[in-house]
Protein backbone atom coordinates (compact mmCIF):
# COMPACT_ATOMS: atom_id res chain seq x y z
CA MET A 1 9.49 -1.67 -4.70
CA ILE A 2 6.38 -0.62 -3.45
CA LYS A 3 3.10 -2.85 -3.31
CA ILE A 4 -0.23 -1.76 -3.01
CA TYR A 5 -2.62 -4.72 -2.14
CA SER A 6 -6.12 -3.15 -2.94
CA THR A 7 -9.61 -3.66 -4.49
CA ASN A 8 -11.61 -1.91 -6.98
CA TRP A 9 -14.36 -0.22 -4.65
CA CYS A 10 -11.90 0.96 -2.21
CA PRO A 11 -11.45 4.79 -2.05
CA SER A 12 -8.48 4.79 0.07
CA CYS A 13 -7.07 2.58 -2.44
CA ASN A 14 -7.39 5.08 -5.18
CA TRP A 15 -6.20 7.76 -2.74
CA ALA A 16 -2.75 5.88 -2.22
CA LYS A 17 -2.47 5.48 -5.67
CA LYS A 18 -2.89 9.03 -6.95
CA PHE A 19 -0.54 10.15 -3.82
CA LEU A 20 2.04 7.83 -5.14
CA ASP A 21 1.59 8.95 -8.82
CA ASP A 22 1.41 12.31 -8.15
CA LYS A 23 4.89 11.92 -6.43
CA ASN A 24 6.18 10.04 -9.68
CA ILE A 25 6.56 7.06 -7.21
CA LYS A 26 6.19 3.42 -9.04
CA TYR A 27 4.53 0.95 -7.30
CA LYS A 28 2.95 -2.60 -8.31
CA GLU A 29 -0.76 -2.68 -7.55
CA ILE A 30 -2.05 -6.34 -6.49
CA ASN A 31 -5.89 -6.43 -6.96
CA ILE A 32 -7.04 -9.02 -4.37
CA GLU A 33 -10.18 -9.69 -5.45
CA GLU A 34 -8.61 -10.26 -9.36
CA ILE A 35 -6.28 -13.07 -7.86
CA ASN A 36 -8.91 -14.45 -5.31
CA MET A 37 -6.68 -13.43 -2.16
CA SER A 38 -8.74 -14.10 0.80
CA ARG A 39 -8.46 -11.52 3.80
CA LYS A 40 -7.25 -14.02 5.57
CA ASP A 41 -4.26 -14.70 3.49
CA LEU A 42 -3.67 -10.81 3.09
CA GLN A 43 -3.60 -10.69 6.87
CA SER A 44 -0.88 -13.44 6.69
CA LEU A 45 1.36 -11.67 3.81
CA THR A 46 0.84 -8.21 5.31
CA GLY A 47 -0.01 -7.95 8.75
CA GLY A 48 -3.47 -6.47 7.84
CA SER A 49 -6.45 -7.33 6.74
CA THR A 50 -8.18 -4.08 5.33
CA VAL A 51 -7.10 -2.47 1.90
CA PRO A 52 -5.19 -1.33 1.41
CA GLN A 53 -2.56 -2.72 2.27
CA ILE A 54 1.18 -1.16 1.35
CA VAL A 55 4.46 -2.88 1.38
CA ILE A 56 7.51 -0.82 0.94
CA ASN A 57 10.79 -2.91 0.29
CA GLY A 58 9.28 -5.86 2.13
CA LYS A 59 8.20 -3.97 5.22
CA SER A 60 4.14 -3.48 5.74
CA ILE A 61 3.19 -0.08 6.34
CA GLY A 62 -0.57 -0.43 6.76
CA GLY A 63 -2.75 1.66 4.63
CA TYR A 64 -3.09 5.26 3.33
CA ASP A 65 -3.52 6.81 6.39
CA ASN A 66 0.07 5.49 7.58
CA LEU A 67 1.38 6.48 4.07
CA LEU A 68 0.86 10.26 4.70
CA LYS A 69 2.09 9.99 8.27
CA LEU A 70 5.51 8.74 6.89
CA ASN A 71 5.40 11.48 4.03
CA ASN A 72 4.40 14.09 6.72
CA ASN A 73 7.06 13.07 9.10
CA GLY A 74 9.83 13.00 6.33
CA LYS A 75 10.24 9.30 6.54
CA LEU A 76 8.44 7.96 3.54
CA MET A 77 11.40 8.49 0.64
CA LYS A 78 14.00 7.20 3.59
CA LEU A 79 12.05 3.93 3.53
CA ILE A 80 11.45 3.76 -0.12
CA LYS A 81 15.14 4.23 -0.95
CA GLU A 82 16.26 1.44 1.82
């Protein structure tokens, strides 16, 4: 399962979702503003306080740039299938 912690105003959040949508990869979006999650709580949960924070099968990978790096290194699909 992939979770993307996001906000409405975050361009990188939209890029990450579009990237996954284009690859037909399912994810659950969690808008931290809609659920009133603080940045401190986000950091406690994911290890990062910026958005997006992407978690794949319980492993926090960071943001959009890290998502692209995993894909470019051929590691994204392996991580998703774990």
